[in-house]
Amino acid sequence: MERTAAKGVLSHLCLLEVQARSRRNQTQQQQQSRVKELKAQLEALIVRKERLKAEIQAHKELQKLRLSMDKQNAPEEDENMDDDSENSTLLRTMARHTQLKDLLYAHHLIGGYDIIRIRQGKGVCVSITTAYEAIYLDTYNLEINLKPKVRINRHNIPPFIPLNVLAEQTNVERDINGFLDTVTQHLNAFAGRKQQLKLVKHKSVEVMESNVLCSILVLLFTVPREKTAVLCTLEYNDHTRCLPTRVLFESEDKQLPDSPQWKKNCNLLMETPVHRALLIMRKAGNIV
């Protein structure tokens, strides 16, 4: 009887020891994962700090050059720089480029479009240039008849952007600028989603599915330690935005999508362009 009781006590102690080890290992794994995540965030902040320092220094030099360029009657300021140096030439080119970018930005800021009158003023041809992350992408042209009434004539805008519906919603006859703003919003959002898809294809993530509108994107992730496959579906139901409206994870590990870390990943993908979010997730050790 005493031996049975002793065995029962020993078994219980062994069970408690196993549970304690399991909890300790789990705690250590969570701490290691947190340390990796913090290290990745620290590295990203250091890189950002160095980039900002370089940008501030370049901005100071550009401001100095722009002032000297604006003051044509004060050539002595230019003498402070070595005209024969490559840095001086580069900085002058950058200053001129910045001036042109500022002019272009101001043009778009006041609602300006590149418009050419055609058919003796009976119509106009509008050029809309799309951009994403300060990179100019595709240019689309839209020919609009103004007389006898406002009507869309010809264009090279993708057919999945409903021009006629947008024209009706914005009342193009009374507010042509509002119509052009809405079309530009749709085109820029499409260009941004398409550019993100191109950038994602350069990452070590498999693109399983996408469509012409780039309104759905299915990616295949791999979790490093368990080598578990995770299917990620991003839905872009708002066609005027570059960010998804819904993110869904599917995995053989049914508990993984509801874990705190993958809920954070879901929020990250909802709030950050997908190519940037993948980089953050990889640095944190969440995906291969």
C-alpha atoms as a PDB file:
ATOM      1  CA  MET A   1       0.000   0.000   0.000  1.00  0.00           C
ATOM      2  CA  GLU A   2       2.823   2.376   0.926  1.00  0.00           C
ATOM      3  CA  ARG A   3       4.658   1.480  -2.289  1.00  0.00           C
ATOM      4  CA  THR A   4       1.543   2.276  -4.344  1.00  0.00           C
ATOM      5  CA  ALA A   5       1.174   5.631  -2.601  1.00  0.00           C
ATOM      6  CA  ALA A   6       4.864   6.380  -3.133  1.00  0.00           C
ATOM      7  CA  LYS A   7       4.567   5.547  -6.836  1.00  0.00           C
ATOM      8  CA  GLY A   8       1.513   7.791  -7.091  1.00  0.00           C
ATOM      9  CA  VAL A   9       3.402  10.670  -5.464  1.00  0.00           C
ATOM     10  CA  LEU A  10       6.424  10.121  -7.716  1.00  0.00           C
ATOM     11  CA  SER A  11       4.223  10.020 -10.815  1.00  0.00           C
ATOM     12  CA  HIS A  12       2.541  13.247  -9.772  1.00  0.00           C
ATOM     13  CA  LEU A  13       5.932  14.886  -9.112  1.00  0.00           C
ATOM     14  CA  CYS A  14       7.183  13.737 -12.515  1.00  0.00           C
ATOM     15  CA  LEU A  15       4.076  15.147 -14.157  1.00  0.00           C
ATOM     16  CA  LEU A  16       4.578  18.486 -12.388  1.00  0.00           C
ATOM     17  CA  GLU A  17       8.228  18.521 -13.465  1.00  0.00           C
ATOM     18  CA  VAL A  18       7.255  17.856 -17.100  1.00  0.00           C
ATOM     19  CA  GLN A  19       4.638  20.603 -16.984  1.00  0.00           C
ATOM     20  CA  ALA A  20       7.147  23.019 -15.440  1.00  0.00           C
ATOM     21  CA  ARG A  21       9.704  22.223 -18.160  1.00  0.00           C
ATOM     22  CA  SER A  22       7.059  22.654 -20.840  1.00  0.00           C
ATOM     23  CA  ARG A  23       6.037  26.047 -19.468  1.00  0.00           C
ATOM     24  CA  ARG A  24       9.685  27.073 -19.152  1.00  0.00           C
ATOM     25  CA  ASN A  25      10.412  26.055 -22.759  1.00  0.00           C
ATOM     26  CA  GLN A  26       7.308  27.857 -23.963  1.00  0.00           C
ATOM     27  CA  THR A  27       8.299  30.993 -22.056  1.00  0.00           C
ATOM     28  CA  GLN A  28      11.820  30.834 -23.475  1.00  0.00           C
ATOM     29  CA  GLN A  29      10.460  30.462 -27.025  1.00  0.00           C
ATOM     30  CA  GLN A  30       8.132  33.446 -26.534  1.00  0.00           C
ATOM     31  CA  GLN A  31      11.016  35.502 -25.130  1.00  0.00           C
ATOM     32  CA  GLN A  32      13.271  34.545 -28.061  1.00  0.00           C
ATOM     33  CA  SER A  33      10.544  35.435 -30.533  1.00  0.00           C
ATOM     34  CA  ARG A  34       9.997  38.783 -28.789  1.00  0.00           C
ATOM     35  CA  VAL A  35      13.757  39.470 -28.789  1.00  0.00           C
ATOM     36  CA  LYS A  36      13.914  38.766 -32.549  1.00  0.00           C
ATOM     37  CA  GLU A  37      10.964  41.074 -33.139  1.00  0.00           C
ATOM     38  CA  LEU A  38      12.538  43.876 -31.081  1.00  0.00           C
ATOM     39  CA  LYS A  39      15.898  43.425 -32.841  1.00  0.00           C
ATOM     40  CA  ALA A  40      14.190  43.682 -36.228  1.00  0.00           C
ATOM     41  CA  GLN A  41      12.365  46.848 -35.126  1.00  0.00           C
ATOM     42  CA  LEU A  42      15.658  48.295 -33.809  1.00  0.00           C
ATOM     43  CA  GLU A  43      17.444  47.566 -37.101  1.00  0.00           C
ATOM     44  CA  ALA A  44      14.611  49.179 -39.060  1.00  0.00           C
ATOM     45  CA  LEU A  45      14.751  52.276 -36.832  1.00  0.00           C
ATOM     46  CA  ILE A  46      18.550  52.540 -37.223  1.00  0.00           C
ATOM     47  CA  VAL A  47      18.259  52.308 -41.004  1.00  0.00           C
ATOM     48  CA  ARG A  48      15.500  54.917 -40.971  1.00  0.00           C
ATOM     49  CA  LYS A  49      17.579  57.204 -38.736  1.00  0.00           C
ATOM     50  CA  GLU A  50      20.580  57.003 -41.073  1.00  0.00           C
ATOM     51  CA  ARG A  51      18.393  57.606 -44.112  1.00  0.00           C
ATOM     52  CA  LEU A  52      16.778  60.651 -42.487  1.00  0.00           C
ATOM     53  CA  LYS A  53      20.188  62.050 -41.556  1.00  0.00           C
ATOM     54  CA  ALA A  54      21.348  61.659 -45.150  1.00  0.00           C
ATOM     55  CA  GLU A  55      18.126  63.234 -46.464  1.00  0.00           C
ATOM     56  CA  ILE A  56      18.443  66.186 -44.063  1.00  0.00           C
ATOM     57  CA  GLN A  57      22.037  66.795 -45.131  1.00  0.00           C
ATOM     58  CA  ALA A  58      21.120  66.536 -48.814  1.00  0.00           C
ATOM     59  CA  HIS A  59      18.147  68.853 -48.240  1.00  0.00           C
ATOM     60  CA  LYS A  60      20.408  71.460 -46.633  1.00  0.00           C
ATOM     61  CA  GLU A  61      22.806  71.323 -49.573  1.00  0.00           C
ATOM     62  CA  LEU A  62      19.914  71.528 -52.045  1.00  0.00           C
ATOM     63  CA  GLN A  63      18.387  74.508 -50.245  1.00  0.00           C
ATOM     64  CA  LYS A  64      21.737  76.244 -50.359  1.00  0.00           C
ATOM     65  CA  LEU A  65      22.065  75.604 -54.084  1.00  0.00           C
ATOM     66  CA  ARG A  66      18.491  76.624 -54.850  1.00  0.00           C
ATOM     67  CA  LEU A  67      18.997  79.928 -53.078  1.00  0.00           C
ATOM     68  CA  SER A  68      22.146  80.547 -55.107  1.00  0.00           C
ATOM     69  CA  MET A  69      20.283  79.629 -58.324  1.00  0.00           C
ATOM     70  CA  ASP A  70      17.448  81.998 -57.488  1.00  0.00           C
ATOM     71  CA  LYS A  71      19.823  84.882 -56.816  1.00  0.00           C
ATOM     72  CA  GLN A  72      21.219  85.472 -60.269  1.00  0.00           C
ATOM     73  CA  ASN A  73      22.810  88.725 -59.187  1.00  0.00           C
ATOM     74  CA  ALA A  74      24.832  87.123 -56.435  1.00  0.00           C
ATOM     75  CA  PRO A  75      27.360  84.883 -58.187  1.00  0.00           C
ATOM     76  CA  GLU A  76      29.767  85.067 -55.259  1.00  0.00           C
ATOM     77  CA  GLU A  77      27.706  82.432 -53.401  1.00  0.00           C
ATOM     78  CA  ASP A  78      28.478  79.863 -56.084  1.00  0.00           C
ATOM     79  CA  GLU A  79      32.185  80.428 -55.565  1.00  0.00           C
ATOM     80  CA  ASN A  80      31.941  78.687 -52.209  1.00  0.00           C
ATOM     81  CA  MET A  81      31.559  75.393 -54.070  1.00  0.00           C
ATOM     82  CA  ASP A  82      34.027  73.707 -56.367  1.00  0.00           C
ATOM     83  CA  ASP A  83      32.433  73.895 -59.810  1.00  0.00           C
ATOM     84  CA  ASP A  84      34.740  71.184 -61.114  1.00  0.00           C
ATOM     85  CA  SER A  85      33.796  68.627 -58.469  1.00  0.00           C
ATOM     86  CA  GLU A  86      31.411  65.789 -59.291  1.00  0.00           C
ATOM     87  CA  ASN A  87      29.498  66.442 -56.059  1.00  0.00           C
ATOM     88  CA  SER A  88      28.834  70.032 -57.093  1.00  0.00           C
ATOM     89  CA  THR A  89      27.477  68.964 -60.490  1.00  0.00           C
ATOM     90  CA  LEU A  90      25.349  66.261 -58.912  1.00  0.00           C
ATOM     91  CA  LEU A  91      23.934  68.617 -56.307  1.00  0.00           C
ATOM     92  CA  ARG A  92      23.105  71.218 -58.960  1.00  0.00           C
ATOM     93  CA  THR A  93      21.261  68.584 -60.988  1.00  0.00           C
ATOM     94  CA  MET A  94      19.400  67.429 -57.884  1.00  0.00           C
ATOM     95  CA  ALA A  95      18.459  71.014 -57.046  1.00  0.00           C
ATOM     96  CA  ARG A  96      17.043  71.541 -60.519  1.00  0.00           C
ATOM     97  CA  HIS A  97      15.199  68.226 -60.318  1.00  0.00           C
ATOM     98  CA  THR A  98      13.703  69.219 -56.953  1.00  0.00           C
ATOM     99  CA  GLN A  99      12.529  72.527 -58.402  1.00  0.00           C
ATOM    100  CA  LEU A 100      10.774  70.746 -61.248  1.00  0.00           C
ATOM    101  CA  LYS A 101       9.186  68.227 -58.868  1.00  0.00           C
ATOM    102  CA  ASP A 102       7.909  71.086 -56.697  1.00  0.00           C
ATOM    103  CA  LEU A 103       6.362  72.765 -59.742  1.00  0.00           C
ATOM    104  CA  LEU A 104       4.721  69.508 -60.829  1.00  0.00           C
ATOM    105  CA  TYR A 105       3.408  68.870 -57.316  1.00  0.00           C
ATOM    106  CA  ALA A 106       1.979  72.382 -57.140  1.00  0.00           C
ATOM    107  CA  HIS A 107       0.312  71.817 -60.515  1.00  0.00           C
ATOM    108  CA  HIS A 108      -1.463  68.695 -59.245  1.00  0.00           C
ATOM    109  CA  LEU A 109      -2.174  70.278 -55.858  1.00  0.00           C
ATOM    110  CA  ILE A 110      -4.351  72.958 -57.419  1.00  0.00           C
ATOM    111  CA  GLY A 111      -6.239  70.330 -59.408  1.00  0.00           C
ATOM    112  CA  GLY A 112      -4.312  70.851 -62.619  1.00  0.00           C
ATOM    113  CA  TYR A 113      -4.399  68.353 -65.456  1.00  0.00           C
ATOM    114  CA  ASP A 114      -2.528  68.250 -68.732  1.00  0.00           C
ATOM    115  CA  ILE A 115      -5.319  69.306 -71.100  1.00  0.00           C
ATOM    116  CA  ILE A 116      -5.174  69.980 -74.837  1.00  0.00           C
ATOM    117  CA  ARG A 117      -8.050  71.599 -76.699  1.00  0.00           C
ATOM    118  CA  ILE A 118      -9.141  69.725 -79.838  1.00  0.00           C
ATOM    119  CA  ARG A 119     -11.614  70.269 -82.702  1.00  0.00           C
ATOM    120  CA  GLN A 120     -11.655  74.076 -82.358  1.00  0.00           C
ATOM    121  CA  GLY A 121     -12.540  73.944 -78.677  1.00  0.00           C
ATOM    122  CA  LYS A 122     -15.389  71.438 -79.070  1.00  0.00           C
ATOM    123  CA  GLY A 123     -13.459  68.874 -77.065  1.00  0.00           C
ATOM    124  CA  VAL A 124     -10.449  68.314 -74.838  1.00  0.00           C
ATOM    125  CA  CYS A 125      -7.860  65.575 -74.438  1.00  0.00           C
ATOM    126  CA  VAL A 126      -6.852  64.972 -70.812  1.00  0.00           C
ATOM    127  CA  SER A 127      -3.679  63.141 -69.783  1.00  0.00           C
ATOM    128  CA  ILE A 128      -3.637  61.506 -66.343  1.00  0.00           C
ATOM    129  CA  THR A 129      -0.289  60.282 -65.038  1.00  0.00           C
ATOM    130  CA  THR A 130      -0.325  57.728 -62.239  1.00  0.00           C
ATOM    131  CA  ALA A 131       2.304  57.477 -59.527  1.00  0.00           C
ATOM    132  CA  TYR A 132       3.148  55.350 -56.504  1.00  0.00           C
ATOM    133  CA  GLU A 133       5.732  56.104 -53.800  1.00  0.00           C
ATOM    134  CA  ALA A 134       7.102  59.079 -55.784  1.00  0.00           C
ATOM    135  CA  ILE A 135       7.589  56.932 -58.917  1.00  0.00           C
ATOM    136  CA  TYR A 136       5.670  57.920 -62.034  1.00  0.00           C
ATOM    137  CA  LEU A 137       4.023  54.947 -63.713  1.00  0.00           C
ATOM    138  CA  ASP A 138       1.471  54.722 -66.537  1.00  0.00           C
ATOM    139  CA  THR A 139      -0.169  57.640 -68.346  1.00  0.00           C
ATOM    140  CA  TYR A 140      -3.772  57.435 -69.549  1.00  0.00           C
ATOM    141  CA  ASN A 141      -5.545  59.664 -72.059  1.00  0.00           C
ATOM    142  CA  LEU A 142      -9.180  60.647 -72.099  1.00  0.00           C
ATOM    143  CA  GLU A 143     -10.924  62.486 -74.923  1.00  0.00           C
ATOM    144  CA  ILE A 144     -14.050  64.373 -73.866  1.00  0.00           C
ATOM    145  CA  ASN A 145     -16.561  66.125 -76.120  1.00  0.00           C
ATOM    146  CA  LEU A 146     -17.746  69.450 -74.679  1.00  0.00           C
ATOM    147  CA  LYS A 147     -20.286  70.396 -77.357  1.00  0.00           C
ATOM    148  CA  PRO A 148     -23.181  69.987 -77.866  1.00  0.00           C
ATOM    149  CA  LYS A 149     -22.983  68.194 -74.505  1.00  0.00           C
ATOM    150  CA  VAL A 150     -20.259  66.728 -72.319  1.00  0.00           C
ATOM    151  CA  ARG A 151     -19.600  63.137 -73.370  1.00  0.00           C
ATOM    152  CA  ILE A 152     -16.687  60.704 -73.131  1.00  0.00           C
ATOM    153  CA  ASN A 153     -15.470  59.965 -76.629  1.00  0.00           C
ATOM    154  CA  ARG A 154     -12.291  57.863 -76.651  1.00  0.00           C
ATOM    155  CA  HIS A 155      -9.854  56.707 -73.982  1.00  0.00           C
ATOM    156  CA  ASN A 156      -7.278  54.058 -73.095  1.00  0.00           C
ATOM    157  CA  ILE A 157      -8.405  53.646 -69.484  1.00  0.00           C
ATOM    158  CA  PRO A 158      -8.757  49.968 -68.401  1.00  0.00           C
ATOM    159  CA  PRO A 159     -12.304  48.664 -69.013  1.00  0.00           C
ATOM    160  CA  PHE A 160     -12.750  47.493 -65.408  1.00  0.00           C
ATOM    161  CA  ILE A 161     -12.821  51.147 -64.276  1.00  0.00           C
ATOM    162  CA  PRO A 162     -16.493  52.120 -64.878  1.00  0.00           C
ATOM    163  CA  LEU A 163     -16.104  55.517 -66.561  1.00  0.00           C
ATOM    164  CA  ASN A 164     -19.773  55.915 -67.483  1.00  0.00           C
ATOM    165  CA  VAL A 165     -20.876  55.080 -63.950  1.00  0.00           C
ATOM    166  CA  LEU A 166     -18.363  57.534 -62.481  1.00  0.00           C
ATOM    167  CA  ALA A 167     -19.455  60.218 -64.951  1.00  0.00           C
ATOM    168  CA  GLU A 168     -23.055  59.776 -63.840  1.00  0.00           C
ATOM    169  CA  GLN A 169     -22.203  59.699 -60.129  1.00  0.00           C
ATOM    170  CA  THR A 170     -20.111  62.878 -60.287  1.00  0.00           C
ATOM    171  CA  ASN A 171     -22.424  64.686 -62.734  1.00  0.00           C
ATOM    172  CA  VAL A 172     -19.689  65.266 -65.304  1.00  0.00           C
ATOM    173  CA  GLU A 173     -21.666  67.958 -67.175  1.00  0.00           C
ATOM    174  CA  ARG A 174     -21.659  70.247 -64.152  1.00  0.00           C
ATOM    175  CA  ASP A 175     -18.447  69.172 -62.417  1.00  0.00           C
ATOM    176  CA  ILE A 176     -15.836  67.895 -64.852  1.00  0.00           C
ATOM    177  CA  ASN A 177     -13.040  68.456 -62.301  1.00  0.00           C
ATOM    178  CA  GLY A 178     -14.841  66.255 -59.784  1.00  0.00           C
ATOM    179  CA  PHE A 179     -15.149  63.547 -62.436  1.00  0.00           C
ATOM    180  CA  LEU A 180     -11.443  63.770 -63.318  1.00  0.00           C
ATOM    181  CA  ASP A 181     -10.482  63.665 -59.611  1.00  0.00           C
ATOM    182  CA  THR A 182     -12.511  60.476 -59.125  1.00  0.00           C
ATOM    183  CA  VAL A 183     -11.044  58.826 -62.223  1.00  0.00           C
ATOM    184  CA  THR A 184      -7.541  59.780 -61.082  1.00  0.00           C
ATOM    185  CA  GLN A 185      -8.220  58.302 -57.658  1.00  0.00           C
ATOM    186  CA  HIS A 186      -9.274  54.977 -59.225  1.00  0.00           C
ATOM    187  CA  LEU A 187      -6.296  54.935 -61.608  1.00  0.00           C
ATOM    188  CA  ASN A 188      -3.744  55.765 -58.902  1.00  0.00           C
ATOM    189  CA  ALA A 189      -5.174  53.114 -56.588  1.00  0.00           C
ATOM    190  CA  PHE A 190      -5.015  50.511 -59.386  1.00  0.00           C
ATOM    191  CA  ALA A 191      -1.456  51.565 -60.277  1.00  0.00           C
ATOM    192  CA  GLY A 192      -0.450  51.319 -56.607  1.00  0.00           C
ATOM    193  CA  ARG A 193      -1.908  47.817 -56.205  1.00  0.00           C
ATOM    194  CA  LYS A 194      -0.263  46.666 -59.443  1.00  0.00           C
ATOM    195  CA  GLN A 195       3.095  48.102 -58.364  1.00  0.00           C
ATOM    196  CA  GLN A 196       2.816  46.379 -54.984  1.00  0.00           C
ATOM    197  CA  LEU A 197       2.184  43.072 -56.767  1.00  0.00           C
ATOM    198  CA  LYS A 198       5.339  43.563 -58.853  1.00  0.00           C
ATOM    199  CA  LEU A 199       7.365  44.289 -55.711  1.00  0.00           C
ATOM    200  CA  VAL A 200       5.915  41.246 -53.926  1.00  0.00           C
ATOM    201  CA  LYS A 201       6.989  38.969 -56.800  1.00  0.00           C
ATOM    202  CA  HIS A 202      10.588  39.977 -56.098  1.00  0.00           C
ATOM    203  CA  LYS A 203      10.239  38.679 -52.518  1.00  0.00           C
ATOM    204  CA  SER A 204      10.615  35.014 -51.519  1.00  0.00           C
ATOM    205  CA  VAL A 205       6.832  34.633 -51.256  1.00  0.00           C
ATOM    206  CA  GLU A 206       4.787  32.586 -53.686  1.00  0.00           C
ATOM    207  CA  VAL A 207       1.917  34.436 -55.396  1.00  0.00           C
ATOM    208  CA  MET A 208      -0.846  31.858 -55.765  1.00  0.00           C
ATOM    209  CA  GLU A 209      -3.532  34.047 -57.334  1.00  0.00           C
ATOM    210  CA  SER A 210      -4.255  37.593 -58.497  1.00  0.00           C
ATOM    211  CA  ASN A 211      -6.609  39.239 -60.982  1.00  0.00           C
ATOM    212  CA  VAL A 212      -6.389  41.982 -63.602  1.00  0.00           C
ATOM    213  CA  LEU A 213      -7.852  44.636 -61.308  1.00  0.00           C
ATOM    214  CA  CYS A 214      -5.400  43.566 -58.567  1.00  0.00           C
ATOM    215  CA  SER A 215      -8.377  43.506 -56.211  1.00  0.00           C
ATOM    216  CA  ILE A 216      -7.508  40.070 -54.832  1.00  0.00           C
ATOM    217  CA  LEU A 217      -4.114  38.652 -53.932  1.00  0.00           C
ATOM    218  CA  VAL A 218      -3.422  35.175 -52.552  1.00  0.00           C
ATOM    219  CA  LEU A 219       0.042  34.518 -51.087  1.00  0.00           C
ATOM    220  CA  LEU A 220       1.685  31.413 -49.622  1.00  0.00           C
ATOM    221  CA  PHE A 221       3.793  31.921 -46.484  1.00  0.00           C
ATOM    222  CA  THR A 222       5.989  29.471 -44.597  1.00  0.00           C
ATOM    223  CA  VAL A 223       6.370  29.681 -40.822  1.00  0.00           C
ATOM    224  CA  PRO A 224      10.110  29.112 -40.060  1.00  0.00           C
ATOM    225  CA  ARG A 225      10.199  26.764 -37.066  1.00  0.00           C
ATOM    226  CA  GLU A 226       7.258  24.480 -37.780  1.00  0.00           C
ATOM    227  CA  LYS A 227       7.602  24.826 -41.575  1.00  0.00           C
ATOM    228  CA  THR A 228       3.842  25.320 -41.592  1.00  0.00           C
ATOM    229  CA  ALA A 229       2.254  26.647 -44.775  1.00  0.00           C
ATOM    230  CA  VAL A 230      -0.059  29.653 -44.398  1.00  0.00           C
ATOM    231  CA  LEU A 231      -2.365  30.814 -47.178  1.00  0.00           C
ATOM    232  CA  CYS A 232      -2.971  34.580 -47.017  1.00  0.00           C
ATOM    233  CA  THR A 233      -5.822  36.179 -48.957  1.00  0.00           C
ATOM    234  CA  LEU A 234      -5.959  39.972 -49.336  1.00  0.00           C
ATOM    235  CA  GLU A 235      -9.166  41.515 -50.669  1.00  0.00           C
ATOM    236  CA  TYR A 236      -9.232  45.083 -52.014  1.00  0.00           C
ATOM    237  CA  ASN A 237     -12.953  45.840 -52.161  1.00  0.00           C
ATOM    238  CA  ASP A 238     -12.438  49.625 -52.086  1.00  0.00           C
ATOM    239  CA  HIS A 239     -11.052  50.293 -55.576  1.00  0.00           C
ATOM    240  CA  THR A 240      -9.993  53.826 -54.646  1.00  0.00           C
ATOM    241  CA  ARG A 241      -7.390  52.576 -52.140  1.00  0.00           C
ATOM    242  CA  CYS A 242      -4.099  50.666 -52.248  1.00  0.00           C
ATOM    243  CA  LEU A 243      -4.669  48.889 -48.917  1.00  0.00           C
ATOM    244  CA  PRO A 244      -6.785  45.748 -48.437  1.00  0.00           C
ATOM    245  CA  THR A 245     -10.209  45.849 -46.819  1.00  0.00           C
ATOM    246  CA  ARG A 246      -9.978  42.220 -45.622  1.00  0.00           C
ATOM    247  CA  VAL A 247      -7.130  39.840 -44.758  1.00  0.00           C
ATOM    248  CA  LEU A 248      -7.703  36.109 -44.207  1.00  0.00           C
ATOM    249  CA  PHE A 249      -5.212  33.440 -43.045  1.00  0.00           C
ATOM    250  CA  GLU A 250      -5.711  29.705 -43.632  1.00  0.00           C
ATOM    251  CA  SER A 251      -3.461  26.967 -42.247  1.00  0.00           C
ATOM    252  CA  GLU A 252      -3.446  23.307 -41.209  1.00  0.00           C
ATOM    253  CA  ASP A 253      -2.649  24.642 -37.752  1.00  0.00           C
ATOM    254  CA  LYS A 254      -6.150  25.880 -36.930  1.00  0.00           C
ATOM    255  CA  GLN A 255      -4.949  27.833 -33.889  1.00  0.00           C
ATOM    256  CA  LEU A 256      -2.335  29.841 -35.802  1.00  0.00           C
ATOM    257  CA  PRO A 257      -4.654  32.470 -37.427  1.00  0.00           C
ATOM    258  CA  ASP A 258      -6.146  33.303 -34.011  1.00  0.00           C
ATOM    259  CA  SER A 259      -2.783  33.575 -32.229  1.00  0.00           C
ATOM    260  CA  PRO A 260      -1.774  37.049 -30.951  1.00  0.00           C
ATOM    261  CA  GLN A 261       1.221  37.265 -33.308  1.00  0.00           C
ATOM    262  CA  TRP A 262      -0.801  36.498 -36.436  1.00  0.00           C
ATOM    263  CA  LYS A 263      -3.524  38.899 -35.373  1.00  0.00           C
ATOM    264  CA  LYS A 264      -0.761  41.534 -35.313  1.00  0.00           C
ATOM    265  CA  ASN A 265       0.304  40.374 -38.780  1.00  0.00           C
ATOM    266  CA  CYS A 266      -3.285  40.768 -39.965  1.00  0.00           C
ATOM    267  CA  ASN A 267      -3.420  44.369 -38.694  1.00  0.00           C
ATOM    268  CA  LEU A 268      -0.018  45.039 -40.240  1.00  0.00           C
ATOM    269  CA  LEU A 269      -1.204  43.883 -43.685  1.00  0.00           C
ATOM    270  CA  MET A 270      -4.375  45.976 -43.344  1.00  0.00           C
ATOM    271  CA  GLU A 271      -2.435  49.158 -42.544  1.00  0.00           C
ATOM    272  CA  THR A 272       0.824  48.751 -44.508  1.00  0.00           C
ATOM    273  CA  PRO A 273       1.506  48.172 -48.226  1.00  0.00           C
ATOM    274  CA  VAL A 274       1.935  44.432 -48.673  1.00  0.00           C
ATOM    275  CA  HIS A 275       5.573  44.503 -49.873  1.00  0.00           C
ATOM    276  CA  ARG A 276       6.609  46.503 -46.807  1.00  0.00           C
ATOM    277  CA  ALA A 277       4.536  44.354 -44.447  1.00  0.00           C
ATOM    278  CA  LEU A 278       6.237  41.187 -45.758  1.00  0.00           C
ATOM    279  CA  LEU A 279       9.653  42.694 -45.085  1.00  0.00           C
ATOM    280  CA  ILE A 280       8.679  43.496 -41.485  1.00  0.00           C
ATOM    281  CA  MET A 281       7.212  40.008 -40.979  1.00  0.00           C
ATOM    282  CA  ARG A 282      10.377  38.378 -42.341  1.00  0.00           C
ATOM    283  CA  LYS A 283      12.680  40.483 -40.154  1.00  0.00           C
ATOM    284  CA  ALA A 284      10.561  39.568 -37.117  1.00  0.00           C
ATOM    285  CA  GLY A 285      11.008  35.865 -37.992  1.00  0.00           C
ATOM    286  CA  ASN A 286       7.310  35.234 -38.640  1.00  0.00           C
ATOM    287  CA  ILE A 287       7.811  33.996 -42.209  1.00  0.00           C
ATOM    288  CA  VAL A 288      10.688  32.566 -44.212  1.00  0.00           C
END
